[in-house]
């Protein structure tokens, strides 16, 4: 019996990454290439790759939208969990990152499943009208707009679908009243966590992997 979550020391973290990660040689090289290219290495953690794949497969997700491609690390990890007829649309604001991610998606043999769109997410989403309902949403971009993204996408997400968001622990500062890093982002993340946790249409929790992964399962429509 355990009354609280066991803290991850270096050994336990190593065990988790070594045994329960979907990071392979391709993804490791991708992260290395991105660093050499000068992109910020703020991608999801290795153990989050397997966790996202688990969630995608557990709800039989076929249609995914990701907001915040960065250099394609999470994009490729999630696309690998899709069925043959699956589709992932990933939105990235920065053209250089978007083009880099497209090249890596092609190298991974996933161009038939993945579309990288270079656009402001809100501009794209306003006119986004998918032929089929979305199954899975992954947010890892500008924290102050998470709420707006959900408000737009929730009518296009099926019941039984899932919204996930990285950095639910706000870089470790979620409980700090005066965070040392990105105070506005921390405030936005806290507000978004509260919004999803109180939303009557969703069952929400946070998995303590990486910097915290918020997960909201859609139970019904309004």
N, C-alpha and C. Protein backbone atom coordinates (compact mmCIF):
# COMPACT_ATOMS: atom_id res chain seq x y z
N UNK A 1 0.84 -1.20 0.00
CA UNK A 1 0.00 0.00 0.00
C UNK A 1 0.88 1.25 0.00
N UNK A 2 0.47 2.24 -0.78
CA UNK A 2 1.24 3.48 -0.85
C UNK A 2 0.29 4.66 -0.71
N UNK A 3 0.63 5.59 0.19
CA UNK A 3 -0.22 6.75 0.42
C UNK A 3 0.20 7.96 -0.39
N UNK A 4 1.37 7.89 -1.03
CA UNK A 4 1.80 8.99 -1.86
C UNK A 4 2.69 8.47 -2.98
N UNK A 5 2.84 9.28 -4.02
CA UNK A 5 3.66 8.90 -5.16
C UNK A 5 5.12 8.81 -4.77
N UNK A 6 5.76 7.73 -5.16
CA UNK A 6 7.19 7.56 -4.90
C UNK A 6 7.98 8.56 -5.74
N UNK A 7 8.87 9.29 -5.09
CA UNK A 7 9.69 10.25 -5.81
C UNK A 7 10.68 9.56 -6.73
N UNK A 8 10.95 10.17 -7.87
CA UNK A 8 11.87 9.59 -8.84
C UNK A 8 13.28 10.11 -8.59
N UNK A 9 14.13 9.26 -8.02
CA UNK A 9 15.54 9.64 -7.92
C UNK A 9 16.22 9.26 -9.23
N UNK A 10 17.51 9.47 -9.32
CA UNK A 10 18.22 9.24 -10.58
C UNK A 10 18.14 7.78 -11.01
N UNK A 11 18.21 6.86 -10.06
CA UNK A 11 18.16 5.43 -10.40
C UNK A 11 16.79 5.04 -10.94
N UNK A 12 15.74 5.48 -10.27
CA UNK A 12 14.40 5.15 -10.74
C UNK A 12 14.10 5.80 -12.09
N UNK A 13 14.59 7.02 -12.27
CA UNK A 13 14.42 7.69 -13.55
C UNK A 13 15.12 6.91 -14.65
N UNK A 14 16.32 6.44 -14.37
CA UNK A 14 17.05 5.64 -15.34
C UNK A 14 16.34 4.34 -15.67
N UNK A 15 15.77 3.70 -14.64
CA UNK A 15 15.01 2.46 -14.86
C UNK A 15 13.81 2.72 -15.77
N UNK A 16 13.12 3.82 -15.51
CA UNK A 16 11.94 4.16 -16.30
C UNK A 16 12.30 4.42 -17.75
N UNK A 17 13.33 5.21 -17.97
CA UNK A 17 13.74 5.56 -19.33
C UNK A 17 14.28 4.35 -20.07
N UNK A 18 15.06 3.53 -19.39
CA UNK A 18 15.68 2.37 -20.04
C UNK A 18 14.67 1.31 -20.43
N UNK A 19 13.62 1.15 -19.62
CA UNK A 19 12.70 0.03 -19.83
C UNK A 19 11.33 0.43 -20.35
N UNK A 20 10.92 1.66 -20.14
CA UNK A 20 9.55 2.05 -20.49
C UNK A 20 9.53 3.35 -21.29
N UNK A 21 10.39 3.41 -22.27
CA UNK A 21 10.46 4.55 -23.18
C UNK A 21 10.37 4.06 -24.61
N UNK A 22 9.77 4.88 -25.47
CA UNK A 22 9.72 4.55 -26.90
C UNK A 22 10.82 5.25 -27.67
N UNK A 23 11.75 5.87 -26.94
CA UNK A 23 12.85 6.55 -27.61
C UNK A 23 13.84 5.51 -28.15
N UNK A 24 14.02 5.50 -29.45
CA UNK A 24 14.95 4.58 -30.09
C UNK A 24 16.11 5.37 -30.70
N UNK A 25 16.95 4.69 -31.47
CA UNK A 25 18.11 5.37 -32.06
C UNK A 25 17.69 6.52 -32.96
N UNK A 26 16.58 6.36 -33.68
CA UNK A 26 16.13 7.42 -34.57
C UNK A 26 15.76 8.67 -33.79
N UNK A 27 14.99 8.51 -32.72
CA UNK A 27 14.58 9.67 -31.93
C UNK A 27 15.76 10.30 -31.19
N UNK A 28 16.69 9.47 -30.75
CA UNK A 28 17.88 10.03 -30.11
C UNK A 28 18.70 10.86 -31.09
N UNK A 29 18.85 10.35 -32.31
CA UNK A 29 19.58 11.11 -33.34
C UNK A 29 18.80 12.37 -33.73
N UNK A 30 17.50 12.26 -33.77
CA UNK A 30 16.67 13.43 -34.07
C UNK A 30 16.93 14.54 -33.05
N UNK A 31 16.94 14.19 -31.78
CA UNK A 31 17.20 15.18 -30.74
C UNK A 31 18.59 15.77 -30.88
N UNK A 32 19.56 14.92 -31.23
CA UNK A 32 20.93 15.38 -31.42
C UNK A 32 21.03 16.32 -32.62
N UNK A 33 20.39 15.94 -33.71
CA UNK A 33 20.41 16.79 -34.91
C UNK A 33 19.74 18.14 -34.65
N UNK A 34 18.68 18.12 -33.86
CA UNK A 34 17.98 19.36 -33.54
C UNK A 34 18.86 20.29 -32.72
N UNK A 35 19.61 19.71 -31.81
CA UNK A 35 20.53 20.51 -30.99
C UNK A 35 21.61 21.15 -31.87
N UNK A 36 22.16 20.35 -32.79
CA UNK A 36 23.18 20.87 -33.71
C UNK A 36 22.60 21.98 -34.59
N UNK A 37 21.34 21.82 -34.96
CA UNK A 37 20.68 22.82 -35.81
C UNK A 37 20.32 24.10 -35.05
N UNK A 38 20.50 24.06 -33.74
CA UNK A 38 20.25 25.26 -32.94
C UNK A 38 18.85 25.39 -32.39
N UNK A 39 18.06 24.32 -32.47
CA UNK A 39 16.71 24.36 -31.92
C UNK A 39 16.74 24.10 -30.42
N UNK A 40 15.82 24.69 -29.67
CA UNK A 40 15.78 24.42 -28.23
C UNK A 40 15.36 22.98 -27.96
N UNK A 41 16.08 22.31 -27.08
CA UNK A 41 15.77 20.92 -26.76
C UNK A 41 14.79 20.88 -25.59
N UNK A 42 13.58 21.28 -25.89
CA UNK A 42 12.52 21.32 -24.89
C UNK A 42 11.41 20.34 -25.26
N UNK A 43 11.79 19.27 -25.96
CA UNK A 43 10.83 18.25 -26.35
C UNK A 43 10.37 17.46 -25.12
N UNK A 44 9.36 16.63 -25.31
CA UNK A 44 8.89 15.77 -24.23
C UNK A 44 10.02 14.85 -23.78
N UNK A 45 9.89 14.33 -22.57
CA UNK A 45 10.91 13.44 -22.03
C UNK A 45 10.80 12.06 -22.66
N UNK A 46 11.87 11.26 -22.64
CA UNK A 46 11.83 9.93 -23.26
C UNK A 46 10.69 9.05 -22.73
N UNK A 47 10.44 9.09 -21.42
CA UNK A 47 9.39 8.23 -20.87
C UNK A 47 7.99 8.70 -21.30
N UNK A 48 7.86 9.96 -21.66
CA UNK A 48 6.57 10.44 -22.14
C UNK A 48 6.23 9.89 -23.52
N UNK A 49 7.23 9.50 -24.29
CA UNK A 49 6.96 8.93 -25.61
C UNK A 49 6.11 7.67 -25.49
N UNK A 50 6.53 6.76 -24.63
CA UNK A 50 5.76 5.52 -24.43
C UNK A 50 4.40 5.82 -23.81
N UNK A 51 4.36 6.78 -22.90
CA UNK A 51 3.11 7.10 -22.23
C UNK A 51 2.08 7.64 -23.22
N UNK A 52 2.50 8.53 -24.11
CA UNK A 52 1.59 9.05 -25.11
C UNK A 52 1.12 7.95 -26.06
N UNK A 53 2.03 7.08 -26.45
CA UNK A 53 1.64 5.95 -27.30
C UNK A 53 0.62 5.06 -26.61
N UNK A 54 0.81 4.84 -25.33
CA UNK A 54 -0.13 4.04 -24.54
C UNK A 54 -1.52 4.67 -24.56
N UNK A 55 -1.58 5.97 -24.34
CA UNK A 55 -2.87 6.66 -24.33
C UNK A 55 -3.54 6.59 -25.70
N UNK A 56 -2.78 6.83 -26.75
CA UNK A 56 -3.32 6.82 -28.10
C UNK A 56 -3.92 5.46 -28.44
N UNK A 57 -3.20 4.41 -28.13
CA UNK A 57 -3.69 3.07 -28.43
C UNK A 57 -4.83 2.66 -27.51
N UNK A 58 -4.84 3.14 -26.28
CA UNK A 58 -5.87 2.74 -25.33
C UNK A 58 -7.25 3.25 -25.72
N UNK A 59 -7.31 4.36 -26.46
CA UNK A 59 -8.61 4.87 -26.91
C UNK A 59 -8.82 4.64 -28.40
N UNK A 60 -7.95 3.83 -29.00
CA UNK A 60 -8.03 3.54 -30.44
C UNK A 60 -8.08 4.82 -31.27
N UNK A 61 -7.20 5.73 -30.95
CA UNK A 61 -7.18 7.01 -31.65
C UNK A 61 -6.74 6.84 -33.10
N UNK A 62 -7.42 7.54 -33.98
CA UNK A 62 -7.08 7.52 -35.40
C UNK A 62 -6.75 8.91 -35.92
N UNK A 63 -7.36 9.92 -35.32
CA UNK A 63 -7.15 11.31 -35.76
C UNK A 63 -6.61 12.15 -34.61
N UNK A 64 -5.41 12.69 -34.81
CA UNK A 64 -4.71 13.44 -33.77
C UNK A 64 -4.37 14.83 -34.28
N UNK A 65 -4.46 15.80 -33.40
CA UNK A 65 -3.90 17.12 -33.69
C UNK A 65 -2.93 17.49 -32.58
N UNK A 66 -1.76 17.95 -32.99
CA UNK A 66 -0.72 18.39 -32.06
C UNK A 66 -0.48 19.87 -32.27
N UNK A 67 -0.45 20.63 -31.19
CA UNK A 67 -0.13 22.05 -31.28
C UNK A 67 1.23 22.26 -30.65
N UNK A 68 2.21 22.54 -31.50
CA UNK A 68 3.59 22.69 -31.06
C UNK A 68 4.46 21.54 -31.52
N UNK A 69 4.84 21.57 -32.80
CA UNK A 69 5.67 20.50 -33.38
C UNK A 69 7.08 20.51 -32.81
N UNK A 70 7.62 21.71 -32.60
CA UNK A 70 9.03 21.90 -32.30
C UNK A 70 9.84 21.31 -33.45
N UNK A 71 10.58 20.22 -33.21
CA UNK A 71 11.34 19.62 -34.32
C UNK A 71 10.86 18.21 -34.66
N UNK A 72 9.69 17.82 -34.16
CA UNK A 72 9.07 16.59 -34.61
C UNK A 72 9.26 15.37 -33.73
N UNK A 73 9.88 15.54 -32.58
CA UNK A 73 10.15 14.40 -31.69
C UNK A 73 8.84 13.76 -31.20
N UNK A 74 7.99 14.54 -30.59
CA UNK A 74 6.71 14.01 -30.11
C UNK A 74 5.81 13.62 -31.27
N UNK A 75 5.91 14.36 -32.36
CA UNK A 75 5.11 14.07 -33.55
C UNK A 75 5.35 12.65 -34.04
N UNK A 76 6.61 12.31 -34.19
CA UNK A 76 6.97 10.98 -34.68
C UNK A 76 6.61 9.91 -33.68
N UNK A 77 6.85 10.17 -32.40
CA UNK A 77 6.51 9.19 -31.37
C UNK A 77 5.02 8.87 -31.40
N UNK A 78 4.18 9.89 -31.50
CA UNK A 78 2.73 9.66 -31.52
C UNK A 78 2.28 9.00 -32.82
N UNK A 79 2.82 9.44 -33.94
CA UNK A 79 2.41 8.88 -35.23
C UNK A 79 2.69 7.39 -35.31
N UNK A 80 3.73 6.95 -34.65
CA UNK A 80 4.06 5.53 -34.65
C UNK A 80 2.99 4.68 -33.96
N UNK A 81 2.16 5.31 -33.14
CA UNK A 81 1.11 4.57 -32.43
C UNK A 81 -0.20 4.54 -33.20
N UNK A 82 -0.26 5.23 -34.33
CA UNK A 82 -1.49 5.29 -35.11
C UNK A 82 -1.69 4.02 -35.95
N UNK A 83 -2.95 3.70 -36.25
CA UNK A 83 -3.21 2.59 -37.18
C UNK A 83 -2.83 2.99 -38.60
N UNK A 84 -2.93 2.06 -39.53
CA UNK A 84 -2.53 2.33 -40.91
C UNK A 84 -3.28 3.51 -41.52
N UNK A 85 -4.54 3.66 -41.16
CA UNK A 85 -5.34 4.75 -41.73
C UNK A 85 -5.38 5.97 -40.82
N UNK A 86 -4.44 6.06 -39.88
CA UNK A 86 -4.41 7.17 -38.95
C UNK A 86 -3.83 8.44 -39.57
N UNK A 87 -4.14 9.57 -38.94
CA UNK A 87 -3.68 10.87 -39.43
C UNK A 87 -3.34 11.77 -38.25
N UNK A 88 -2.19 12.42 -38.35
CA UNK A 88 -1.76 13.39 -37.34
C UNK A 88 -1.45 14.71 -38.03
N UNK A 89 -2.10 15.77 -37.57
CA UNK A 89 -1.80 17.12 -38.03
C UNK A 89 -1.06 17.83 -36.91
N UNK A 90 0.11 18.36 -37.24
CA UNK A 90 0.92 19.05 -36.23
C UNK A 90 1.14 20.50 -36.66
N UNK A 91 0.88 21.42 -35.75
CA UNK A 91 0.97 22.84 -36.04
C UNK A 91 2.24 23.44 -35.44
N UNK A 92 2.97 24.18 -36.25
CA UNK A 92 4.21 24.81 -35.79
C UNK A 92 4.30 26.23 -36.36
N UNK A 93 4.59 27.17 -35.49
CA UNK A 93 4.64 28.58 -35.89
C UNK A 93 5.91 28.93 -36.66
N UNK A 94 7.04 28.35 -36.27
CA UNK A 94 8.34 28.73 -36.84
C UNK A 94 8.64 27.93 -38.11
N UNK A 95 8.84 28.60 -39.26
CA UNK A 95 9.06 27.91 -40.54
C UNK A 95 10.26 26.97 -40.52
N UNK A 96 11.37 27.36 -39.91
CA UNK A 96 12.56 26.51 -39.91
C UNK A 96 12.30 25.22 -39.14
N UNK A 97 11.61 25.33 -38.03
CA UNK A 97 11.28 24.13 -37.26
C UNK A 97 10.33 23.23 -38.05
N UNK A 98 9.33 23.84 -38.69
CA UNK A 98 8.36 23.06 -39.45
C UNK A 98 9.03 22.29 -40.58
N UNK A 99 9.93 22.94 -41.31
CA UNK A 99 10.61 22.28 -42.42
C UNK A 99 11.53 21.17 -41.92
N UNK A 100 12.23 21.43 -40.83
CA UNK A 100 13.10 20.41 -40.23
C UNK A 100 12.26 19.19 -39.83
N UNK A 101 11.12 19.44 -39.21
CA UNK A 101 10.25 18.34 -38.77
C UNK A 101 9.72 17.55 -39.97
N UNK A 102 9.35 18.25 -41.05
CA UNK A 102 8.88 17.55 -42.25
C UNK A 102 9.95 16.59 -42.77
N UNK A 103 11.17 17.05 -42.81
CA UNK A 103 12.26 16.20 -43.29
C UNK A 103 12.43 14.97 -42.40
N UNK A 104 12.34 15.16 -41.10
CA UNK A 104 12.52 14.04 -40.18
C UNK A 104 11.33 13.08 -40.23
N UNK A 105 10.15 13.62 -40.42
CA UNK A 105 8.97 12.76 -40.59
C UNK A 105 9.13 11.89 -41.83
N UNK A 106 9.64 12.48 -42.91
CA UNK A 106 9.89 11.73 -44.14
C UNK A 106 10.93 10.64 -43.91
N UNK A 107 12.01 11.00 -43.21
CA UNK A 107 13.05 10.01 -42.91
C UNK A 107 12.50 8.86 -42.07
N UNK A 108 11.53 9.16 -41.24
CA UNK A 108 10.92 8.13 -40.39
C UNK A 108 9.89 7.30 -41.15
N UNK A 109 9.62 7.66 -42.40
CA UNK A 109 8.65 6.91 -43.21
C UNK A 109 7.21 7.15 -42.80
N UNK A 110 6.93 8.36 -42.31
CA UNK A 110 5.60 8.64 -41.77
C UNK A 110 4.87 9.76 -42.51
N UNK A 111 5.37 10.14 -43.67
CA UNK A 111 4.76 11.26 -44.40
C UNK A 111 3.32 10.99 -44.80
N UNK A 112 2.95 9.73 -44.95
CA UNK A 112 1.58 9.40 -45.32
C UNK A 112 0.61 9.59 -44.15
N UNK A 113 1.14 9.65 -42.94
CA UNK A 113 0.29 9.80 -41.75
C UNK A 113 0.36 11.19 -41.13
N UNK A 114 1.41 11.92 -41.42
CA UNK A 114 1.68 13.18 -40.71
C UNK A 114 1.67 14.36 -41.66
N UNK A 115 0.97 15.40 -41.27
CA UNK A 115 0.99 16.68 -41.99
C UNK A 115 1.49 17.76 -41.04
N UNK A 116 2.59 18.39 -41.40
CA UNK A 116 3.12 19.50 -40.62
C UNK A 116 2.60 20.80 -41.23
N UNK A 117 1.90 21.58 -40.45
CA UNK A 117 1.33 22.84 -40.93
C UNK A 117 2.05 23.99 -40.24
N UNK A 118 2.62 24.89 -41.04
CA UNK A 118 3.29 26.07 -40.49
C UNK A 118 2.28 27.21 -40.44
N UNK A 119 1.83 27.52 -39.24
CA UNK A 119 0.78 28.52 -39.08
C UNK A 119 0.65 28.89 -37.62
N UNK A 120 0.10 30.06 -37.36
CA UNK A 120 -0.37 30.35 -36.02
C UNK A 120 -1.52 29.39 -35.72
N UNK A 121 -1.46 28.74 -34.59
CA UNK A 121 -2.45 27.71 -34.30
C UNK A 121 -3.88 28.26 -34.30
N UNK A 122 -4.09 29.41 -33.69
CA UNK A 122 -5.44 29.96 -33.63
C UNK A 122 -5.97 30.29 -35.02
N UNK A 123 -5.11 30.79 -35.90
CA UNK A 123 -5.54 31.09 -37.28
C UNK A 123 -5.97 29.82 -38.00
N UNK A 124 -5.22 28.75 -37.82
CA UNK A 124 -5.55 27.49 -38.47
C UNK A 124 -6.83 26.89 -37.89
N UNK A 125 -6.95 26.91 -36.58
CA UNK A 125 -8.06 26.22 -35.93
C UNK A 125 -9.41 26.87 -36.18
N UNK A 126 -9.42 28.17 -36.40
CA UNK A 126 -10.69 28.86 -36.64
C UNK A 126 -11.45 28.25 -37.81
N UNK A 127 -10.72 27.86 -38.85
CA UNK A 127 -11.36 27.29 -40.05
C UNK A 127 -11.18 25.78 -40.14
N UNK A 128 -10.68 25.17 -39.08
CA UNK A 128 -10.42 23.73 -39.10
C UNK A 128 -11.72 22.97 -38.98
N UNK A 129 -12.02 22.18 -39.99
CA UNK A 129 -13.27 21.41 -40.02
C UNK A 129 -12.98 20.00 -40.49
N UNK A 130 -12.46 19.15 -39.61
CA UNK A 130 -12.05 17.80 -40.02
C UNK A 130 -13.23 16.96 -40.50
N UNK A 131 -12.95 16.08 -41.45
CA UNK A 131 -14.00 15.20 -41.99
C UNK A 131 -14.49 14.24 -40.93
N UNK A 132 -13.60 13.86 -40.02
CA UNK A 132 -13.96 12.98 -38.92
C UNK A 132 -13.61 13.66 -37.60
N UNK A 133 -14.33 13.29 -36.55
CA UNK A 133 -14.03 13.86 -35.24
C UNK A 133 -12.60 13.52 -34.82
N UNK A 134 -12.03 14.41 -34.04
CA UNK A 134 -10.72 14.15 -33.46
C UNK A 134 -10.83 13.13 -32.34
N UNK A 135 -9.76 12.36 -32.17
CA UNK A 135 -9.68 11.40 -31.08
C UNK A 135 -8.73 11.85 -29.99
N UNK A 136 -7.71 12.61 -30.37
CA UNK A 136 -6.63 12.90 -29.43
C UNK A 136 -6.03 14.26 -29.75
N UNK A 137 -5.85 15.06 -28.71
CA UNK A 137 -5.25 16.39 -28.84
C UNK A 137 -4.04 16.46 -27.91
N UNK A 138 -2.92 16.94 -28.44
CA UNK A 138 -1.72 17.12 -27.61
C UNK A 138 -1.28 18.57 -27.70
N UNK A 139 -1.22 19.23 -26.55
CA UNK A 139 -0.83 20.64 -26.47
C UNK A 139 0.55 20.76 -25.86
N UNK A 140 1.44 21.41 -26.59
CA UNK A 140 2.79 21.65 -26.08
C UNK A 140 3.35 22.90 -26.77
N UNK A 141 2.68 24.02 -26.52
CA UNK A 141 3.05 25.25 -27.21
C UNK A 141 2.88 26.44 -26.26
N UNK A 142 2.33 27.53 -26.78
CA UNK A 142 2.16 28.75 -25.97
C UNK A 142 1.09 28.53 -24.90
N UNK A 143 1.53 28.51 -23.66
CA UNK A 143 0.68 28.11 -22.54
C UNK A 143 -0.52 29.03 -22.35
N UNK A 144 -0.35 30.31 -22.67
CA UNK A 144 -1.44 31.26 -22.46
C UNK A 144 -2.63 31.03 -23.39
N UNK A 145 -2.44 30.22 -24.43
CA UNK A 145 -3.53 29.96 -25.37
C UNK A 145 -4.14 28.56 -25.24
N UNK A 146 -3.69 27.77 -24.29
CA UNK A 146 -4.24 26.42 -24.12
C UNK A 146 -5.77 26.47 -24.00
N UNK A 147 -6.24 27.38 -23.17
CA UNK A 147 -7.68 27.51 -22.95
C UNK A 147 -8.41 27.78 -24.27
N UNK A 148 -7.86 28.69 -25.08
CA UNK A 148 -8.49 29.02 -26.36
C UNK A 148 -8.49 27.83 -27.31
N UNK A 149 -7.40 27.07 -27.31
CA UNK A 149 -7.33 25.89 -28.17
C UNK A 149 -8.43 24.89 -27.81
N UNK A 150 -8.59 24.67 -26.52
CA UNK A 150 -9.61 23.71 -26.08
C UNK A 150 -11.01 24.20 -26.43
N UNK A 151 -11.27 25.48 -26.24
CA UNK A 151 -12.60 26.01 -26.55
C UNK A 151 -12.95 25.81 -28.02
N UNK A 152 -11.95 25.93 -28.89
CA UNK A 152 -12.20 25.73 -30.32
C UNK A 152 -12.34 24.25 -30.66
N UNK A 153 -11.50 23.43 -30.06
CA UNK A 153 -11.42 22.02 -30.46
C UNK A 153 -12.44 21.11 -29.79
N UNK A 154 -13.00 21.52 -28.66
CA UNK A 154 -13.82 20.58 -27.90
C UNK A 154 -15.05 20.11 -28.68
N UNK A 155 -15.59 20.93 -29.56
CA UNK A 155 -16.75 20.50 -30.35
C UNK A 155 -16.35 19.53 -31.45
N UNK A 156 -15.05 19.44 -31.72
CA UNK A 156 -14.56 18.56 -32.78
C UNK A 156 -13.90 17.31 -32.21
N UNK A 157 -13.93 17.18 -30.90
CA UNK A 157 -13.38 16.01 -30.22
C UNK A 157 -14.50 15.07 -29.85
N UNK A 158 -14.36 13.82 -30.21
CA UNK A 158 -15.42 12.84 -29.94
C UNK A 158 -15.51 12.54 -28.45
N UNK A 159 -16.68 12.09 -28.03
CA UNK A 159 -16.83 11.55 -26.69
C UNK A 159 -15.95 10.30 -26.59
N UNK A 160 -15.17 10.20 -25.54
CA UNK A 160 -14.19 9.13 -25.43
C UNK A 160 -12.82 9.54 -25.93
N UNK A 161 -12.75 10.73 -26.53
CA UNK A 161 -11.46 11.27 -26.96
C UNK A 161 -10.73 11.92 -25.80
N UNK A 162 -9.52 12.37 -26.07
CA UNK A 162 -8.67 12.85 -24.98
C UNK A 162 -7.91 14.10 -25.37
N UNK A 163 -7.84 15.02 -24.41
CA UNK A 163 -6.98 16.20 -24.51
C UNK A 163 -5.82 16.01 -23.55
N UNK A 164 -4.61 16.19 -24.04
CA UNK A 164 -3.43 16.08 -23.19
C UNK A 164 -2.60 17.35 -23.34
N UNK A 165 -1.90 17.72 -22.26
CA UNK A 165 -1.08 18.93 -22.29
C UNK A 165 0.18 18.71 -21.49
N UNK A 166 1.31 19.06 -22.08
CA UNK A 166 2.59 18.91 -21.40
C UNK A 166 2.82 20.08 -20.44
N UNK A 167 3.79 19.90 -19.55
CA UNK A 167 4.21 20.93 -18.58
C UNK A 167 3.12 21.26 -17.56
N UNK A 168 2.36 20.25 -17.17
CA UNK A 168 1.31 20.48 -16.17
C UNK A 168 1.87 20.87 -14.81
N UNK A 169 3.14 20.57 -14.56
CA UNK A 169 3.79 20.98 -13.31
C UNK A 169 4.51 22.32 -13.45
N UNK A 170 4.36 22.95 -14.61
CA UNK A 170 4.89 24.30 -14.84
C UNK A 170 6.36 24.42 -14.50
N UNK A 171 7.15 23.49 -15.06
CA UNK A 171 8.61 23.51 -14.88
C UNK A 171 9.00 23.34 -13.41
N UNK A 172 8.08 22.74 -12.63
CA UNK A 172 8.33 22.53 -11.21
C UNK A 172 7.87 23.66 -10.33
N UNK A 173 7.27 24.70 -10.91
CA UNK A 173 6.88 25.89 -10.15
C UNK A 173 5.37 26.02 -9.95
N UNK A 174 4.62 24.96 -10.17
CA UNK A 174 3.16 25.06 -10.17
C UNK A 174 2.61 25.59 -8.85
N UNK A 175 3.30 25.35 -7.74
CA UNK A 175 2.81 25.79 -6.44
C UNK A 175 3.47 27.07 -5.94
N UNK A 176 4.38 27.62 -6.73
CA UNK A 176 5.10 28.82 -6.30
C UNK A 176 4.28 30.08 -6.58
N UNK A 177 4.19 30.93 -5.59
CA UNK A 177 3.47 32.19 -5.78
C UNK A 177 4.31 33.21 -6.55
N UNK A 178 5.64 33.04 -6.48
CA UNK A 178 6.54 33.93 -7.23
C UNK A 178 7.59 33.06 -7.92
N UNK A 179 7.20 32.37 -9.00
CA UNK A 179 8.11 31.44 -9.67
C UNK A 179 9.33 32.13 -10.26
N UNK A 180 10.46 31.43 -10.23
CA UNK A 180 11.70 31.98 -10.74
C UNK A 180 11.73 32.02 -12.26
N UNK A 181 10.95 31.16 -12.89
CA UNK A 181 11.01 31.00 -14.34
C UNK A 181 9.64 31.19 -14.96
N UNK A 182 9.57 31.97 -16.03
CA UNK A 182 8.36 32.12 -16.83
C UNK A 182 7.09 32.31 -15.99
N UNK A 183 7.03 33.35 -15.17
CA UNK A 183 5.88 33.50 -14.26
C UNK A 183 4.53 33.55 -14.98
N UNK A 184 4.48 34.17 -16.15
CA UNK A 184 3.21 34.23 -16.88
C UNK A 184 2.79 32.86 -17.38
N UNK A 185 3.76 32.07 -17.84
CA UNK A 185 3.45 30.71 -18.26
C UNK A 185 2.96 29.87 -17.09
N UNK A 186 3.62 30.02 -15.96
CA UNK A 186 3.21 29.27 -14.76
C UNK A 186 1.77 29.62 -14.39
N UNK A 187 1.45 30.89 -14.41
CA UNK A 187 0.09 31.33 -14.11
C UNK A 187 -0.91 30.74 -15.10
N UNK A 188 -0.55 30.75 -16.38
CA UNK A 188 -1.44 30.21 -17.42
C UNK A 188 -1.65 28.72 -17.24
N UNK A 189 -0.59 27.99 -16.93
CA UNK A 189 -0.70 26.54 -16.73
C UNK A 189 -1.58 26.23 -15.54
N UNK A 190 -1.38 26.95 -14.44
CA UNK A 190 -2.22 26.73 -13.26
C UNK A 190 -3.69 26.98 -13.59
N UNK A 191 -3.98 28.04 -14.28
CA UNK A 191 -5.36 28.36 -14.65
C UNK A 191 -5.95 27.29 -15.57
N UNK A 192 -5.13 26.81 -16.52
CA UNK A 192 -5.61 25.78 -17.44
C UNK A 192 -5.86 24.47 -16.70
N UNK A 193 -4.95 24.09 -15.81
CA UNK A 193 -5.15 22.87 -15.02
C UNK A 193 -6.47 22.95 -14.26
N UNK A 194 -6.72 24.09 -13.64
CA UNK A 194 -7.95 24.26 -12.87
C UNK A 194 -9.17 24.22 -13.78
N UNK A 195 -9.06 24.86 -14.94
CA UNK A 195 -10.18 24.88 -15.89
C UNK A 195 -10.57 23.48 -16.32
N UNK A 196 -9.58 22.68 -16.71
CA UNK A 196 -9.87 21.32 -17.17
C UNK A 196 -10.34 20.44 -16.01
N UNK A 197 -9.77 20.62 -14.84
CA UNK A 197 -10.15 19.81 -13.69
C UNK A 197 -11.60 20.06 -13.26
N UNK A 198 -12.09 21.27 -13.51
CA UNK A 198 -13.45 21.63 -13.11
C UNK A 198 -14.46 21.51 -14.25
N UNK A 199 -13.98 21.20 -15.45
CA UNK A 199 -14.87 21.14 -16.61
C UNK A 199 -15.80 19.93 -16.48
N UNK A 200 -17.10 20.13 -16.55
CA UNK A 200 -18.04 19.03 -16.35
C UNK A 200 -18.03 17.97 -17.44
N UNK A 201 -17.47 18.30 -18.60
CA UNK A 201 -17.48 17.34 -19.71
C UNK A 201 -16.29 16.40 -19.70
N UNK A 202 -15.34 16.63 -18.79
CA UNK A 202 -14.09 15.86 -18.82
C UNK A 202 -13.75 15.27 -17.46
N UNK A 203 -13.11 14.13 -17.51
CA UNK A 203 -12.47 13.54 -16.33
C UNK A 203 -10.98 13.80 -16.48
N UNK A 204 -10.40 14.55 -15.55
CA UNK A 204 -9.04 15.04 -15.71
C UNK A 204 -8.13 14.59 -14.58
N UNK A 205 -6.91 14.26 -14.94
CA UNK A 205 -5.88 13.95 -13.96
C UNK A 205 -4.53 14.38 -14.54
N UNK A 206 -3.50 14.31 -13.71
CA UNK A 206 -2.14 14.62 -14.15
C UNK A 206 -1.26 13.42 -13.85
N UNK A 207 -0.57 12.94 -14.87
CA UNK A 207 0.40 11.86 -14.68
C UNK A 207 1.76 12.49 -14.39
N UNK A 208 2.43 12.06 -13.32
CA UNK A 208 3.73 12.64 -12.96
C UNK A 208 4.88 12.08 -13.79
N UNK A 209 4.79 12.25 -15.10
CA UNK A 209 5.87 11.86 -16.01
C UNK A 209 6.39 13.13 -16.67
N UNK A 210 7.70 13.19 -16.87
CA UNK A 210 8.28 14.41 -17.41
C UNK A 210 7.98 15.58 -16.49
N UNK A 211 7.50 16.67 -17.08
CA UNK A 211 7.11 17.84 -16.30
C UNK A 211 5.61 17.83 -16.00
N UNK A 212 5.05 16.63 -15.95
CA UNK A 212 3.63 16.48 -15.69
C UNK A 212 2.83 16.51 -16.98
N UNK A 213 1.98 15.51 -17.16
CA UNK A 213 1.14 15.43 -18.36
C UNK A 213 -0.32 15.46 -17.94
N UNK A 214 -1.00 16.55 -18.25
CA UNK A 214 -2.42 16.64 -17.97
C UNK A 214 -3.18 15.81 -18.99
N UNK A 215 -4.17 15.04 -18.51
CA UNK A 215 -4.96 14.18 -19.38
C UNK A 215 -6.42 14.39 -19.06
N UNK A 216 -7.21 14.71 -20.06
CA UNK A 216 -8.64 14.96 -19.89
C UNK A 216 -9.43 14.08 -20.85
N UNK A 217 -10.19 13.16 -20.30
CA UNK A 217 -11.02 12.25 -21.09
C UNK A 217 -12.40 12.86 -21.26
N UNK A 218 -12.85 13.00 -22.50
CA UNK A 218 -14.16 13.59 -22.74
C UNK A 218 -15.26 12.58 -22.45
N UNK A 219 -16.12 12.93 -21.51
CA UNK A 219 -17.18 12.03 -21.07
C UNK A 219 -18.48 12.24 -21.82
N UNK A 220 -18.78 13.47 -22.15
CA UNK A 220 -20.02 13.79 -22.86
C UNK A 220 -19.94 15.20 -23.41
N UNK A 221 -20.88 15.54 -24.28
CA UNK A 221 -20.99 16.90 -24.79
C UNK A 221 -21.89 17.71 -23.88
N UNK A 222 -21.83 19.01 -24.04
CA UNK A 222 -22.68 19.88 -23.22
C UNK A 222 -24.14 19.68 -23.60
